[in-house]
Every structure is written in structure tokens, then in C-alpha cells.
Amino acid sequence: MNPPLPRAVSAQRRLFRRGRPLAITMWDFSWLERRWPGAGYEDWDDALDQLVARGYDAVRIDAYPHLLAADPARTWEILPPWDQSLWGAQARVDVEVWPALPDFIRRCAARGVLVALSTWFQDDATHRRESFRTAREHATIWIRTLELLEQEKLLEHILYVDLCNEWPFPHWAPFFPRPDGAAPGDWRSAASLAWMEESVARVRARFPDLPYTFSFSDCLDDVASHTIDVGFLDFLEPHCWMASMTEFYTLVDYNFERFDPKGYRNVADRAESLYRSDPAHWQAGLAAIIDRRVAWSLLQQKPLVTTEGWSIVDYKDGPRLPWEWVMELNAWAVNRVAATGRWAAICTSNFAGPQFHGMWRDVGWHQRLNRTLKSGQLPRDGRRESVLPPDKTVGP
């Protein structure tokens, strides 16, 4: 009889269950909030059929654990996090998280689509997300959510659990007491690490077979950050974009204006022309970002998952907002990422959903990229080098 696998290895193997990197996309809170006619998710069967047709086999969604733990039967009035971007609703919307969540997961399961659970801690009219203050409470709401899904016999279809999107940005984690002077997305403080470790440990004690993480989008580039012990995470989920991690957004003068059209006007006026002025420069910047994520993965000996990337953070259909340059750079990135052998699941974009018509309608583009990433290698235990040298790029 073989000895049992170490817990971390056992949990990670859920990420490797298909023997190849997974093609994953992010449907965030859009899957539940964008259900009016023409919003893209009003017919889940149709949306999921489109997902499968494009070659995806996993989807990351908001499970709204803070609302489920409070009252699964309640109708919640969600407050929009923005009115300029197309994730979720751009105005107040009423949602019933239960039984929508198990219903959606069953429809995914029927198509062989795995579900990654995350949360953006969407605000609601009661401000429920501000009602807890400790890592223990953070864990409790996730335990309650997973218990509800366990009762429905749906845990086998869960790929992993991300306890908080882009920890600890104030908009997604307003309950976390940040140290004085800490940058919004700085996850490296002692308080942050202790919070993450405790919350993961508590959820894992109740559900030991699921992989757990916190996703990040900041403070990931210096060697000191790479050496911080994050052994309590089963894998690393960095979100990576050229635009926000180089000087690109500064030159465009885009500053994440959530309720002001100025930001998107500047993107429409400047983004494509700036990229086209020197594509090699911007590809090199993105290559350096990807290589640093590989270095982090190797140092921590943990697989990577990225569900948000690779060219620009915020974009949408509109005048003077062509998709070609975004898709070109994303295709370049997916080729490079797939060649590293460090990713267990890879996105083609953070716009791979039916509300982003200009990208979603190009079925062949999604299919080609998903074939490419699925042909890559999975991370191997004990591996100390990347198959992609730091100075080598992979062409589109």
C-alpha cells in the first residue's frame, strides 16, 4: 500500500488532474450580476456552450461567501464597484446567490468545466463585507460556503479556492486593518501574512483536499518579496499586465478612474498608438514581468495560476478602442507563459467573457491560444530551472 501523499502535494494535484495546464478564464461576479437581456450571462447554458467551444475548461467566479454565510436565502442589493468597466453591473442590481451558485456549478460540471471559487467581496446595501474584522471570521464565511456546496455534493467540481481577490487592496478587502503607511496592494506585512496563514489554515482544517491561495497583483517584482515564506499557499496566483507594471499607463494617463470617463478617453486616444510605436519595447517589459513570476515560482517551489492578464488591465468595446493590439500582445504572452512549464492554469485575457464582444466573437483566436497553452508542461516537483532562459522570447 502506498503511503499517503503530503497534504500540499495532494491539494496541488487537483490542479494537475488533466495532466496538462488548464485553460481558465475569469467570469468574476459577472456570471450572476450581468443577467439582463444582452448582458452576456442571461442564459448560462448558452454562455457555457460558448466557453467550451472556445476551448476553455475552467472558470473563476465570485462565490459571495460573505453573503452566503449571512443568509443564503436573501436577495442582496449589490452596489457597483464602477460604472466605466464592464465587469459586473454598472448600476445597482439585485442578486440571489443561492441557489444560483450550485445551479451554475452543475451546469459547468455537465460540460466538464471546473470552477475556481474566489471573491471580490462585492459591497451591498447593508455593507455586509465590513461586518467582520478577523482572520477567523474570514475563514468562517468560506467554511460555511464550502459546507453548503458539500451538502450539494459539488466539491469534486471545485478547482481551488482564492480567499480574496488581489489581497489586500482596500476595495476588495476593506475589512483588513492595514499597517500605517502600507501601499494598498502590499501583502508582505507581518499582519497580512499572519491573516492569510490563519484563514487558510482554518479552512484547510475543515476541507483538507482543496488547494487554497490568495491572489495578488502588486509587490511581486523584487527579490525580497520572492523570499517571503508563503508555504501556507498551495499555489501562487499573480495577476500580470504590461500596462500597469511598466510606464505604459503613466504615459497614457490612465489612473483607474472608476466613475469618471476621463480614463477611458485617454486610453482611446493614446493606448493603441503608444503600443504600436514600439511593440518590441512593451513585449520586453511584459517578458520581464513573466520571468519574475517564474523566478518566484521556482524559489517557492509552487505552481502558478494566472486568471487575469496580459496586456492591459481595463478595456472595453467602444470608439477608438480596437481589440487587435490587445489580442496580439496577449497571444504573445500566452506563448511565452506556456513555454515556461511553471503554470498549472493560464488565462488568455481578463476579457475572455461574452460582454467583451470584440474579443469574444473571435472564436478562432481563443481556440488557437487554448491549444497552445494546453500543449505546455506542468510544473515538476524539485525543478530548479525554467525551460525558457530569461533572455529568450517566444514569438507569436
Protein backbone atom coordinates (compact mmCIF):
# COMPACT_ATOMS: atom_id res chain seq x y z
CA MET A 1 0.00 0.00 0.00
CA ASN A 2 1.41 3.40 -0.97
CA PRO A 3 1.87 5.96 1.82
CA PRO A 4 -0.50 8.93 1.72
CA LEU A 5 0.67 11.95 -0.21
CA PRO A 6 1.74 15.03 1.75
CA ARG A 7 -1.18 17.42 2.05
CA ALA A 8 0.35 20.11 -0.15
CA VAL A 9 1.10 17.64 -2.94
CA SER A 10 -2.36 16.10 -2.69
CA ALA A 11 -4.04 19.51 -2.93
CA GLN A 12 -1.85 20.62 -5.82
CA ARG A 13 -2.72 17.50 -7.77
CA ARG A 14 -6.25 18.79 -8.10
CA LEU A 15 -4.71 21.50 -10.29
CA PHE A 16 -2.94 18.83 -12.36
CA ARG A 17 -5.86 16.43 -12.72
CA ARG A 18 -5.97 16.68 -16.51
CA GLY A 19 -2.26 16.16 -16.98
CA ARG A 20 -1.71 19.50 -18.70
CA PRO A 21 -2.15 23.22 -18.00
CA LEU A 22 -5.79 24.27 -17.78
CA ALA A 23 -7.31 26.97 -19.96
CA ILE A 24 -9.04 29.19 -17.41
CA THR A 25 -11.00 32.40 -17.65
CA MET A 26 -12.39 34.90 -15.17
CA TRP A 27 -16.13 35.48 -15.02
CA ASP A 28 -15.82 37.19 -11.61
CA PHE A 29 -19.21 38.48 -10.37
CA SER A 30 -20.43 38.97 -13.94
CA TRP A 31 -21.78 35.41 -14.03
CA LEU A 32 -24.51 36.44 -11.56
CA GLU A 33 -24.85 40.21 -11.92
CA ARG A 34 -24.93 40.56 -15.72
CA ARG A 35 -28.19 38.71 -16.42
CA TRP A 36 -30.33 41.34 -18.12
CA PRO A 37 -31.03 40.85 -21.86
CA GLY A 38 -27.85 41.32 -23.84
CA ALA A 39 -25.55 41.39 -20.81
CA GLY A 40 -23.87 38.11 -21.76
CA TYR A 41 -24.81 35.78 -18.91
CA GLU A 42 -28.59 35.86 -19.05
CA ASP A 43 -28.54 32.31 -20.47
CA TRP A 44 -25.92 30.27 -18.64
CA ASP A 45 -26.28 27.28 -20.93
CA ASP A 46 -25.56 29.41 -23.98
CA ALA A 47 -22.65 31.24 -22.31
CA LEU A 48 -21.07 27.97 -21.13
CA ASP A 49 -21.51 26.36 -24.53
CA GLN A 50 -19.63 29.33 -26.00
CA LEU A 51 -16.94 28.90 -23.34
CA VAL A 52 -16.41 25.25 -24.20
CA ALA A 53 -16.46 25.97 -27.93
CA ARG A 54 -13.54 28.37 -27.42
CA GLY A 55 -11.50 25.70 -25.66
CA TYR A 56 -11.77 26.71 -22.01
CA ASP A 57 -12.02 24.08 -19.31
CA ALA A 58 -12.11 26.16 -16.11
CA VAL A 59 -13.76 29.38 -14.93
CA ARG A 60 -13.04 31.58 -11.90
CA ILE A 61 -16.11 33.16 -10.30
CA ASP A 62 -17.15 35.12 -7.24
CA ALA A 63 -18.87 32.85 -4.70
CA TYR A 64 -20.01 35.79 -2.50
CA PRO A 65 -19.04 33.92 0.70
CA HIS A 66 -19.79 36.88 2.98
CA LEU A 67 -23.37 36.99 1.70
CA LEU A 68 -23.93 33.22 1.73
CA ALA A 69 -22.66 32.96 5.30
CA ALA A 70 -25.01 35.73 6.40
CA ASP A 71 -28.20 34.43 4.74
CA PRO A 72 -28.25 32.07 1.74
CA ALA A 73 -31.94 32.74 1.08
CA ARG A 74 -31.74 36.53 0.98
CA THR A 75 -31.92 38.79 -2.06
CA TRP A 76 -28.98 41.18 -1.91
CA GLU A 77 -28.75 44.64 -3.48
CA ILE A 78 -25.23 44.91 -4.91
CA LEU A 79 -23.56 48.30 -5.22
CA PRO A 80 -21.49 48.74 -8.40
CA PRO A 81 -17.71 48.96 -7.92
CA TRP A 82 -17.55 51.17 -11.05
CA ASP A 83 -19.67 52.45 -13.91
CA GLN A 84 -16.90 52.62 -16.52
CA SER A 85 -15.75 48.99 -16.81
CA LEU A 86 -17.89 46.06 -17.91
CA TRP A 87 -17.25 43.53 -15.17
CA GLY A 88 -20.48 43.09 -13.23
CA ALA A 89 -23.31 45.61 -13.35
CA GLN A 90 -22.74 49.35 -13.79
CA ALA A 91 -25.70 50.17 -11.56
CA ARG A 92 -27.35 48.62 -8.51
CA VAL A 93 -28.57 45.09 -9.12
CA ASP A 94 -30.43 42.52 -7.01
CA VAL A 95 -28.99 39.00 -6.80
CA GLU A 96 -29.84 35.73 -5.11
CA VAL A 97 -26.56 33.90 -4.61
CA TRP A 98 -28.32 30.72 -3.55
CA PRO A 99 -29.42 28.54 -5.28
CA ALA A 100 -27.73 30.28 -8.23
CA LEU A 101 -24.24 29.14 -7.20
CA PRO A 102 -24.92 25.37 -7.12
CA ASP A 103 -27.06 25.69 -10.24
CA PHE A 104 -24.21 27.35 -12.14
CA ILE A 105 -21.62 24.81 -10.89
CA ARG A 106 -23.83 21.92 -12.00
CA ARG A 107 -24.10 23.41 -15.49
CA CYS A 108 -20.30 23.76 -15.56
CA ALA A 109 -19.86 20.18 -14.38
CA ALA A 110 -22.19 18.89 -17.09
CA ARG A 111 -19.75 20.34 -19.64
CA GLY A 112 -16.56 19.24 -17.89
CA VAL A 113 -15.76 22.78 -16.82
CA LEU A 114 -14.02 23.12 -13.44
CA VAL A 115 -14.91 26.03 -11.17
CA ALA A 116 -12.41 28.11 -9.22
CA LEU A 117 -14.02 29.97 -6.34
CA SER A 118 -12.85 33.47 -5.46
CA THR A 119 -14.37 36.64 -4.07
CA TRP A 120 -14.13 40.35 -4.69
CA PHE A 121 -16.21 40.97 -1.56
CA GLN A 122 -18.78 42.92 -3.51
CA ASP A 123 -20.38 45.69 -1.48
CA ASP A 124 -24.11 45.60 -0.88
CA ALA A 125 -26.70 47.96 0.56
CA THR A 126 -26.13 46.56 4.07
CA HIS A 127 -22.31 46.77 3.73
CA ARG A 128 -22.05 43.19 4.90
CA ARG A 129 -18.42 42.92 3.84
CA GLU A 130 -17.44 45.35 6.60
CA SER A 131 -19.01 43.25 9.35
CA PHE A 132 -16.01 41.07 10.17
CA ARG A 133 -12.60 42.03 11.47
CA THR A 134 -10.54 38.86 11.99
CA ALA A 135 -8.91 36.08 10.01
CA ARG A 136 -11.06 33.63 11.94
CA GLU A 137 -14.21 35.33 10.65
CA HIS A 138 -12.75 35.40 7.14
CA ALA A 139 -12.24 31.64 7.34
CA THR A 140 -15.68 31.05 8.79
CA ILE A 141 -17.54 32.56 5.86
CA TRP A 142 -15.59 30.35 3.44
CA ILE A 143 -16.17 27.26 5.56
CA ARG A 144 -19.90 27.95 5.54
CA THR A 145 -19.86 28.42 1.76
CA LEU A 146 -17.99 25.16 1.18
CA GLU A 147 -20.28 23.32 3.60
CA LEU A 148 -23.27 24.43 1.55
CA LEU A 149 -21.60 23.12 -1.60
CA GLU A 150 -20.61 19.93 0.19
CA GLN A 151 -24.27 19.31 1.01
CA GLU A 152 -24.99 19.60 -2.72
CA LYS A 153 -22.14 17.12 -3.49
CA LEU A 154 -20.37 19.66 -5.68
CA LEU A 155 -16.89 19.89 -4.14
CA GLU A 156 -15.39 17.49 -6.69
CA HIS A 157 -16.02 20.14 -9.36
CA ILE A 158 -14.15 22.88 -7.45
CA LEU A 159 -10.67 23.54 -8.82
CA TYR A 160 -9.42 25.73 -5.98
CA VAL A 161 -10.39 28.48 -3.53
CA ASP A 162 -8.93 32.01 -3.67
CA LEU A 163 -9.85 33.52 -0.30
CA CYS A 164 -9.68 37.10 -1.59
CA ASN A 165 -9.05 38.68 -4.96
CA GLU A 166 -5.86 40.77 -5.15
CA TRP A 167 -5.22 40.80 -1.44
CA PRO A 168 -5.20 43.20 0.38
CA PHE A 169 -6.36 46.07 -1.87
CA PRO A 170 -8.84 48.21 0.11
CA HIS A 171 -11.59 47.90 -2.46
CA TRP A 172 -11.55 44.10 -2.27
CA ALA A 173 -10.61 43.75 1.40
CA PRO A 174 -11.90 46.84 3.23
CA PHE A 175 -12.09 44.90 6.48
CA PHE A 176 -8.33 44.30 6.68
CA PRO A 177 -6.59 46.72 9.10
CA ARG A 178 -3.61 47.92 7.08
CA PRO A 179 -0.40 48.94 8.80
CA ASP A 180 0.24 52.67 8.72
CA GLY A 181 1.92 53.73 5.50
CA ALA A 182 1.43 50.40 3.72
CA ALA A 183 0.77 50.53 -0.02
CA PRO A 184 -2.75 49.42 -0.98
CA GLY A 185 -1.67 46.12 -2.51
CA ASP A 186 1.23 45.31 -0.18
CA TRP A 187 0.61 41.79 1.09
CA ARG A 188 4.05 41.41 2.69
CA SER A 189 3.47 42.90 6.16
CA ALA A 190 3.54 40.66 9.23
CA ALA A 191 -0.15 41.43 9.83
CA SER A 192 -1.09 40.43 6.29
CA LEU A 193 0.94 37.22 6.32
CA ALA A 194 -0.49 36.21 9.69
CA TRP A 195 -4.04 36.89 8.46
CA MET A 196 -3.55 34.83 5.32
CA GLU A 197 -1.89 31.95 7.10
CA GLU A 198 -4.54 31.72 9.81
CA SER A 199 -7.52 31.96 7.47
CA VAL A 200 -6.11 29.34 5.09
CA ALA A 201 -5.26 27.01 7.97
CA ARG A 202 -8.76 27.19 9.38
CA VAL A 203 -10.46 26.50 6.05
CA ARG A 204 -7.97 23.75 5.22
CA ALA A 205 -8.59 22.03 8.57
CA ARG A 206 -12.24 21.60 7.57
CA PHE A 207 -11.64 20.90 3.85
CA PRO A 208 -8.09 19.50 3.54
CA ASP A 209 -8.23 18.33 -0.07
CA LEU A 210 -8.85 21.67 -1.79
CA PRO A 211 -5.99 23.92 -2.95
CA TYR A 212 -6.01 27.40 -1.36
CA THR A 213 -4.44 30.71 -2.25
CA PHE A 214 -4.77 34.49 -2.10
CA SER A 215 -4.39 36.19 -5.48
CA PHE A 216 -2.06 39.19 -5.80
CA SER A 217 -1.39 41.96 -8.28
CA ASP A 218 1.20 44.13 -6.54
CA CYS A 219 4.53 43.97 -4.69
CA LEU A 220 5.73 40.93 -6.65
CA ASP A 221 8.78 42.13 -8.51
CA ASP A 222 11.66 42.41 -6.06
CA VAL A 223 13.80 39.54 -4.83
CA ALA A 224 12.94 40.30 -1.21
CA SER A 225 9.27 39.62 -1.95
CA HIS A 226 10.15 36.31 -3.58
CA THR A 227 11.92 35.10 -0.44
CA ILE A 228 8.96 35.69 1.90
CA ASP A 229 7.68 32.36 3.13
CA VAL A 230 4.25 31.66 1.65
CA GLY A 231 4.36 27.95 2.33
CA PHE A 232 0.77 28.07 3.58
CA LEU A 233 -0.42 28.70 -0.01
CA ASP A 234 -0.83 25.69 -2.28
CA PHE A 235 -0.04 27.72 -5.39
CA LEU A 236 0.68 31.30 -6.43
CA GLU A 237 -1.84 33.39 -8.33
CA PRO A 238 -0.24 36.57 -9.64
CA HIS A 239 -2.23 38.84 -11.95
CA CYS A 240 0.10 40.26 -14.60
CA TRP A 241 -0.30 43.16 -17.02
CA MET A 242 2.13 45.08 -19.14
CA ALA A 243 0.12 48.30 -18.85
CA SER A 244 0.11 48.65 -15.07
CA MET A 245 3.55 47.15 -14.39
CA THR A 246 5.53 49.29 -16.84
CA GLU A 247 5.37 53.02 -17.60
CA PHE A 248 2.56 52.41 -20.12
CA TYR A 249 -0.35 53.68 -18.01
CA THR A 250 1.64 56.69 -16.88
CA LEU A 251 2.25 57.68 -20.49
CA VAL A 252 -1.39 57.05 -21.40
CA ASP A 253 -2.51 58.98 -18.28
CA TYR A 254 -4.86 56.25 -17.14
CA ASN A 255 -5.38 56.16 -13.38
CA PHE A 256 -8.16 53.59 -12.82
CA GLU A 257 -10.91 56.21 -12.86
CA ARG A 258 -13.81 54.00 -11.79
CA PHE A 259 -16.61 56.59 -12.10
CA ASP A 260 -15.05 59.13 -14.47
CA PRO A 261 -14.89 58.63 -18.26
CA LYS A 262 -11.62 60.56 -18.44
CA GLY A 263 -9.52 57.42 -18.02
CA TYR A 264 -11.11 55.54 -20.89
CA ARG A 265 -10.95 58.66 -23.08
CA ASN A 266 -7.19 58.73 -22.57
CA VAL A 267 -6.96 55.01 -23.33
CA ALA A 268 -8.96 55.52 -26.53
CA ASP A 269 -6.76 58.44 -27.57
CA ARG A 270 -3.34 57.02 -26.70
CA ALA A 271 -3.11 53.32 -25.85
CA GLU A 272 -3.00 51.67 -29.26
CA SER A 273 -0.72 54.28 -30.82
CA LEU A 274 1.68 54.03 -27.87
CA TYR A 275 1.88 50.26 -28.18
CA ARG A 276 2.25 50.40 -31.97
CA SER A 277 5.06 52.94 -31.66
CA ASP A 278 7.38 50.22 -30.26
CA PRO A 279 5.82 46.77 -29.78
CA ALA A 280 9.18 45.19 -29.00
CA HIS A 281 9.68 47.55 -26.07
CA TRP A 282 6.34 46.67 -24.49
CA GLN A 283 6.82 42.97 -25.17
CA ALA A 284 10.19 43.17 -23.42
CA GLY A 285 8.55 44.80 -20.42
CA LEU A 286 5.96 42.05 -20.23
CA ALA A 287 8.63 39.39 -20.71
CA ALA A 288 10.50 40.71 -17.68
CA ILE A 289 7.28 40.55 -15.62
CA ILE A 290 6.63 36.95 -16.69
CA ASP A 291 10.22 35.94 -15.97
CA ARG A 292 10.00 37.37 -12.45
CA ARG A 293 6.87 35.32 -11.81
CA VAL A 294 8.75 32.24 -13.00
CA ALA A 295 11.59 33.06 -10.60
CA TRP A 296 9.11 33.38 -7.73
CA SER A 297 7.53 30.05 -8.61
CA LEU A 298 10.90 28.32 -8.73
CA LEU A 299 12.08 29.80 -5.46
CA GLN A 300 8.88 28.89 -3.64
CA GLN A 301 8.59 25.56 -5.49
CA LYS A 302 4.91 26.21 -6.15
CA PRO A 303 2.90 26.16 -9.37
CA LEU A 304 1.49 29.34 -10.85
CA VAL A 305 -2.06 30.14 -11.89
CA THR A 306 -2.93 33.40 -13.64
CA THR A 307 -6.55 34.28 -14.37
CA GLU A 308 -6.02 37.97 -15.22
CA GLY A 309 -3.54 39.27 -17.81
CA TRP A 310 -1.65 40.13 -20.03
CA SER A 311 -1.67 43.37 -21.98
CA ILE A 312 -3.94 45.97 -20.39
CA VAL A 313 -5.98 45.93 -17.18
CA ASP A 314 -9.10 47.87 -18.19
CA TYR A 315 -10.57 47.83 -21.69
CA LYS A 316 -13.94 47.51 -23.39
CA ASP A 317 -15.77 47.83 -26.69
CA GLY A 318 -16.07 51.40 -27.87
CA PRO A 319 -14.98 54.06 -30.36
CA ARG A 320 -11.22 54.12 -30.88
CA LEU A 321 -10.80 51.04 -28.70
CA PRO A 322 -9.72 48.37 -31.19
CA TRP A 323 -9.04 44.88 -29.87
CA GLU A 324 -6.34 43.84 -32.34
CA TRP A 325 -3.34 45.19 -30.43
CA VAL A 326 -4.64 43.83 -27.11
CA MET A 327 -5.14 40.37 -28.60
CA GLU A 328 -1.77 40.48 -30.36
CA LEU A 329 0.11 41.15 -27.13
CA ASN A 330 -1.97 38.62 -25.20
CA ALA A 331 -1.19 35.95 -27.79
CA TRP A 332 2.50 36.77 -27.50
CA ALA A 333 2.29 36.45 -23.71
CA VAL A 334 0.39 33.14 -23.73
CA ASN A 335 3.06 31.63 -25.99
CA ARG A 336 5.79 32.72 -23.59
CA VAL A 337 3.94 31.65 -20.45
CA ALA A 338 3.09 28.22 -21.84
CA ALA A 339 6.75 27.63 -22.70
CA THR A 340 7.96 28.14 -19.12
CA GLY A 341 6.37 24.99 -17.70
CA ARG A 342 5.52 26.78 -14.44
CA TRP A 343 1.79 27.45 -14.86
CA ALA A 344 -0.93 24.97 -13.86
CA ALA A 345 -3.70 27.16 -15.32
CA ILE A 346 -3.40 30.04 -17.78
CA CYS A 347 -5.82 32.70 -18.97
CA THR A 348 -5.88 34.17 -22.44
CA SER A 349 -7.08 37.50 -21.04
CA ASN A 350 -9.13 39.08 -18.28
CA PHE A 351 -11.61 39.98 -21.04
CA ALA A 352 -12.45 36.41 -22.06
CA GLY A 353 -16.17 36.70 -21.41
CA PRO A 354 -19.24 37.33 -23.56
CA GLN A 355 -19.67 41.00 -22.53
CA PHE A 356 -16.41 41.92 -24.32
CA HIS A 357 -17.76 41.40 -27.82
CA GLY A 358 -14.69 42.44 -29.79
CA MET A 359 -12.55 39.75 -28.20
CA TRP A 360 -15.21 37.11 -27.53
CA ARG A 361 -16.50 36.95 -31.10
CA ASP A 362 -13.14 35.80 -32.49
CA VAL A 363 -13.66 32.11 -31.73
CA GLY A 364 -10.55 31.03 -33.62
CA TRP A 365 -8.28 33.29 -31.56
CA HIS A 366 -9.43 31.67 -28.31
CA GLN A 367 -9.15 28.19 -29.76
CA ARG A 368 -5.61 28.74 -31.04
CA LEU A 369 -4.34 30.17 -27.77
CA ASN A 370 -6.01 27.49 -25.69
CA ARG A 371 -4.46 24.76 -27.84
CA THR A 372 -1.09 26.41 -27.31
CA LEU A 373 -1.35 26.68 -23.55
CA LYS A 374 -2.75 23.17 -23.17
CA SER A 375 0.28 21.82 -25.02
CA GLY A 376 2.60 23.22 -22.34
CA GLN A 377 4.17 21.29 -19.49
CA LEU A 378 3.03 21.26 -15.87
CA PRO A 379 5.41 22.28 -13.08
CA ARG A 380 7.51 19.44 -11.69
CA ASP A 381 8.45 18.98 -8.03
CA GLY A 382 12.03 19.89 -7.27
CA ARG A 383 12.53 21.76 -10.52
CA ARG A 384 15.20 24.46 -10.32
CA GLU A 385 15.33 25.94 -13.78
CA SER A 386 12.86 27.31 -16.30
CA VAL A 387 12.70 25.79 -19.76
CA LEU A 388 12.74 29.38 -21.02
CA PRO A 389 16.02 31.27 -20.50
CA PRO A 390 15.47 34.79 -19.10
CA ASP A 391 16.74 36.50 -22.26
CA LYS A 392 14.76 34.45 -24.76
CA THR A 393 11.33 35.37 -26.07
CA VAL A 394 8.77 33.29 -27.85
CA GLY A 395 7.27 34.73 -30.99
CA PRO A 396 3.55 34.98 -31.68
